Amino acid sequence: MTHDEALEELSRLAHERAFGGYFGSDMLIQAGLDALLAGVESESLTMLAGLGRNEELEAPELFERVLYELGLEIEVPPNPRSAKWALASWLAGRMVDGSLDPAAGAFRIWRDVAWDLDYPDALQPLVVCAYNLDDWDDSWGVPVEKFKKEAIEAAAHFLAQQPQAEHD
């Protein structure tokens, strides 16, 4: 793992946690160890990476300190609707940049965002992509890559229209 890959993984974990995801202490410690071995420097990172089994309860707090020290803290809007839009934007961005499989990203936008926002128009193309990718099988005679490409295009379009979408 390179330095940049380690920072990206820490950022991904930070975003997931900020949006309500849970990771066990073992995963946070491993991410810290991977980052340390990749040359990322932070006082708390060294402590996080060195935690033993009997110290795992300290991992979440140390992880938050690592994020602060590296400037990777994530602020989620306090308004629940705005937070859902922020999650959709983050997931769509990861789909577009290739760091998230389009099927997984479209499905999460459908499950974790669109449902809670009562299926706003701005997310409909991504929901359709999620349906298609979730139901797809070989008998359709269309390669799954076509539907993944459509999901990436829908995510890019959503990001381009984002300021308007936040008010729907």
Protein backbone atom coordinates (compact mmCIF):
# COMPACT_ATOMS: atom_id res chain seq x y z
CA MET A 1 0.00 0.00 0.00
CA THR A 2 1.31 3.43 -0.93
CA HIS A 3 1.18 6.55 1.22
CA ASP A 4 -1.68 7.97 -0.88
CA GLU A 5 -3.62 4.69 -0.82
CA ALA A 6 -3.32 4.58 2.96
CA LEU A 7 -4.62 8.14 3.28
CA GLU A 8 -7.49 7.27 0.90
CA GLU A 9 -8.40 4.26 3.03
CA LEU A 10 -8.35 6.34 6.21
CA SER A 11 -10.54 8.92 4.46
CA ARG A 12 -12.95 6.20 3.29
CA LEU A 13 -13.26 4.83 6.81
CA ALA A 14 -13.76 8.35 8.15
CA HIS A 15 -16.59 8.99 5.68
CA GLU A 16 -18.24 5.65 6.34
CA ARG A 17 -18.11 6.25 10.12
CA ALA A 18 -19.39 9.82 9.74
CA PHE A 19 -22.38 8.54 7.77
CA GLY A 20 -23.23 5.93 10.40
CA GLY A 21 -21.08 2.97 9.40
CA TYR A 22 -19.52 0.83 12.09
CA PHE A 23 -16.07 -0.73 12.07
CA GLY A 24 -14.66 -2.93 14.75
CA SER A 25 -11.57 -1.83 16.61
CA ASP A 26 -9.56 -4.51 14.84
CA MET A 27 -10.28 -2.87 11.47
CA LEU A 28 -9.35 0.59 12.75
CA ILE A 29 -6.10 -0.75 14.22
CA GLN A 30 -5.29 -2.55 10.95
CA ALA A 31 -5.96 0.62 8.95
CA GLY A 32 -3.63 2.46 11.32
CA LEU A 33 -0.94 -0.17 10.93
CA ASP A 34 -1.27 -0.16 7.15
CA ALA A 35 -1.00 3.64 7.09
CA LEU A 36 2.01 3.62 9.39
CA LEU A 37 3.77 1.02 7.23
CA ALA A 38 2.97 3.14 4.16
CA GLY A 39 4.82 6.10 5.66
CA VAL A 40 1.90 8.15 6.98
CA GLU A 41 3.03 10.10 10.03
CA SER A 42 0.92 11.07 13.02
CA GLU A 43 1.55 10.78 16.74
CA SER A 44 -1.78 9.09 17.38
CA LEU A 45 -1.36 6.82 14.36
CA THR A 46 1.63 5.18 16.03
CA MET A 47 -0.41 4.62 19.17
CA LEU A 48 -3.40 3.27 17.19
CA ALA A 49 -1.26 0.87 15.18
CA GLY A 50 0.39 -0.44 18.33
CA LEU A 51 -2.78 -1.27 20.29
CA GLY A 52 -2.98 -4.80 21.62
CA ARG A 53 -6.09 -6.92 22.14
CA ASN A 54 -6.60 -5.71 25.70
CA GLU A 55 -6.46 -2.08 24.48
CA GLU A 56 -8.96 -2.30 21.60
CA LEU A 57 -11.51 -0.10 23.39
CA GLU A 58 -9.13 2.83 22.83
CA ALA A 59 -9.16 2.41 19.03
CA PRO A 60 -12.20 4.55 18.13
CA GLU A 61 -10.96 7.55 20.11
CA LEU A 62 -7.43 7.19 18.73
CA PHE A 63 -8.81 6.84 15.22
CA GLU A 64 -10.67 10.15 15.64
CA ARG A 65 -7.42 11.76 16.86
CA VAL A 66 -5.59 10.38 13.81
CA LEU A 67 -8.21 11.90 11.53
CA TYR A 68 -7.84 15.26 13.29
CA GLU A 69 -4.03 15.17 13.10
CA LEU A 70 -4.10 14.30 9.39
CA GLY A 71 -6.83 16.79 8.52
CA LEU A 72 -9.21 14.02 7.48
CA GLU A 73 -12.11 14.85 9.77
CA ILE A 74 -15.52 14.68 8.14
CA GLU A 75 -18.33 17.05 9.03
CA VAL A 76 -21.75 15.70 8.21
CA PRO A 77 -24.52 18.29 7.99
CA PRO A 78 -26.62 18.24 11.17
CA ASN A 79 -29.89 18.27 9.22
CA PRO A 80 -30.78 14.60 8.44
CA ARG A 81 -31.98 15.39 4.90
CA SER A 82 -28.82 17.36 4.14
CA ALA A 83 -26.74 14.51 5.56
CA LYS A 84 -28.48 12.08 3.18
CA TRP A 85 -27.73 14.36 0.23
CA ALA A 86 -24.10 14.56 1.38
CA LEU A 87 -23.94 10.76 1.52
CA ALA A 88 -25.38 10.50 -2.00
CA SER A 89 -22.79 13.00 -3.26
CA TRP A 90 -19.92 11.15 -1.62
CA LEU A 91 -21.06 7.79 -2.99
CA ALA A 92 -21.66 9.21 -6.48
CA GLY A 93 -18.21 10.82 -6.42
CA ARG A 94 -16.62 7.50 -5.54
CA MET A 95 -18.53 5.81 -8.37
CA VAL A 96 -17.29 8.42 -10.85
CA ASP A 97 -13.66 8.29 -9.67
CA GLY A 98 -13.66 4.49 -9.81
CA SER A 99 -13.08 3.87 -6.11
CA LEU A 100 -16.53 2.32 -5.63
CA ASP A 101 -18.10 -0.34 -7.81
CA PRO A 102 -21.02 1.28 -9.68
CA ALA A 103 -23.42 -1.51 -8.70
CA ALA A 104 -22.53 -1.18 -5.02
CA GLY A 105 -22.73 2.62 -5.15
CA ALA A 106 -26.08 2.73 -6.94
CA PHE A 107 -27.49 0.16 -4.53
CA ARG A 108 -26.33 2.15 -1.49
CA ILE A 109 -27.79 5.36 -2.89
CA TRP A 110 -31.07 3.51 -3.42
CA ARG A 111 -31.07 1.81 0.00
CA ASP A 112 -29.41 4.42 2.22
CA VAL A 113 -30.53 7.69 0.61
CA ALA A 114 -33.39 7.54 -1.89
CA TRP A 115 -35.65 5.53 0.39
CA ASP A 116 -35.21 7.95 3.29
CA LEU A 117 -35.75 11.00 1.05
CA ASP A 118 -38.93 9.54 -0.47
CA TYR A 119 -37.32 8.92 -3.87
CA PRO A 120 -36.58 12.46 -5.09
CA ASP A 121 -36.43 13.05 -8.84
CA ALA A 122 -32.70 13.83 -8.71
CA LEU A 123 -31.96 10.27 -7.56
CA GLN A 124 -34.36 8.41 -9.88
CA PRO A 125 -31.75 7.62 -12.58
CA LEU A 126 -29.47 6.10 -9.94
CA VAL A 127 -32.36 4.12 -8.45
CA VAL A 128 -33.21 2.73 -11.91
CA CYS A 129 -29.56 1.75 -12.33
CA ALA A 130 -29.63 0.05 -8.94
CA TYR A 131 -32.75 -1.92 -9.93
CA ASN A 132 -31.18 -2.98 -13.23
CA LEU A 133 -27.88 -3.98 -11.67
CA ASP A 134 -29.57 -5.80 -8.80
CA ASP A 135 -31.82 -7.81 -11.14
CA TRP A 136 -29.34 -8.34 -13.98
CA ASP A 137 -28.41 -11.84 -15.10
CA ASP A 138 -26.77 -13.41 -18.18
CA SER A 139 -30.14 -14.15 -19.82
CA TRP A 140 -30.70 -10.45 -20.50
CA GLY A 141 -28.23 -10.59 -23.41
CA VAL A 142 -26.73 -7.27 -22.32
CA PRO A 143 -23.36 -7.15 -20.57
CA VAL A 144 -23.47 -5.96 -16.98
CA GLU A 145 -20.73 -3.46 -17.88
CA LYS A 146 -23.30 -1.53 -19.93
CA PHE A 147 -25.45 -1.05 -16.84
CA LYS A 148 -22.41 -0.16 -14.74
CA LYS A 149 -21.43 2.47 -17.30
CA GLU A 150 -24.97 3.88 -17.15
CA ALA A 151 -24.70 4.03 -13.35
CA ILE A 152 -21.44 5.99 -13.58
CA GLU A 153 -23.03 8.36 -16.08
CA ALA A 154 -26.06 8.81 -13.81
CA ALA A 155 -23.73 9.51 -10.86
CA ALA A 156 -21.79 12.11 -12.89
CA HIS A 157 -25.04 13.76 -13.96
CA PHE A 158 -26.26 13.80 -10.36
CA LEU A 159 -23.03 15.47 -9.22
CA ALA A 160 -23.32 18.08 -11.97
CA GLN A 161 -26.89 18.86 -10.86
CA GLN A 162 -26.17 18.54 -7.12
CA PRO A 163 -26.90 22.09 -5.91
CA GLN A 164 -30.34 21.90 -7.52
CA ALA A 165 -30.89 18.36 -6.14
CA GLU A 166 -30.30 19.43 -2.55
CA HIS A 167 -33.43 21.56 -2.68
CA ASP A 168 -35.79 18.97 -4.18
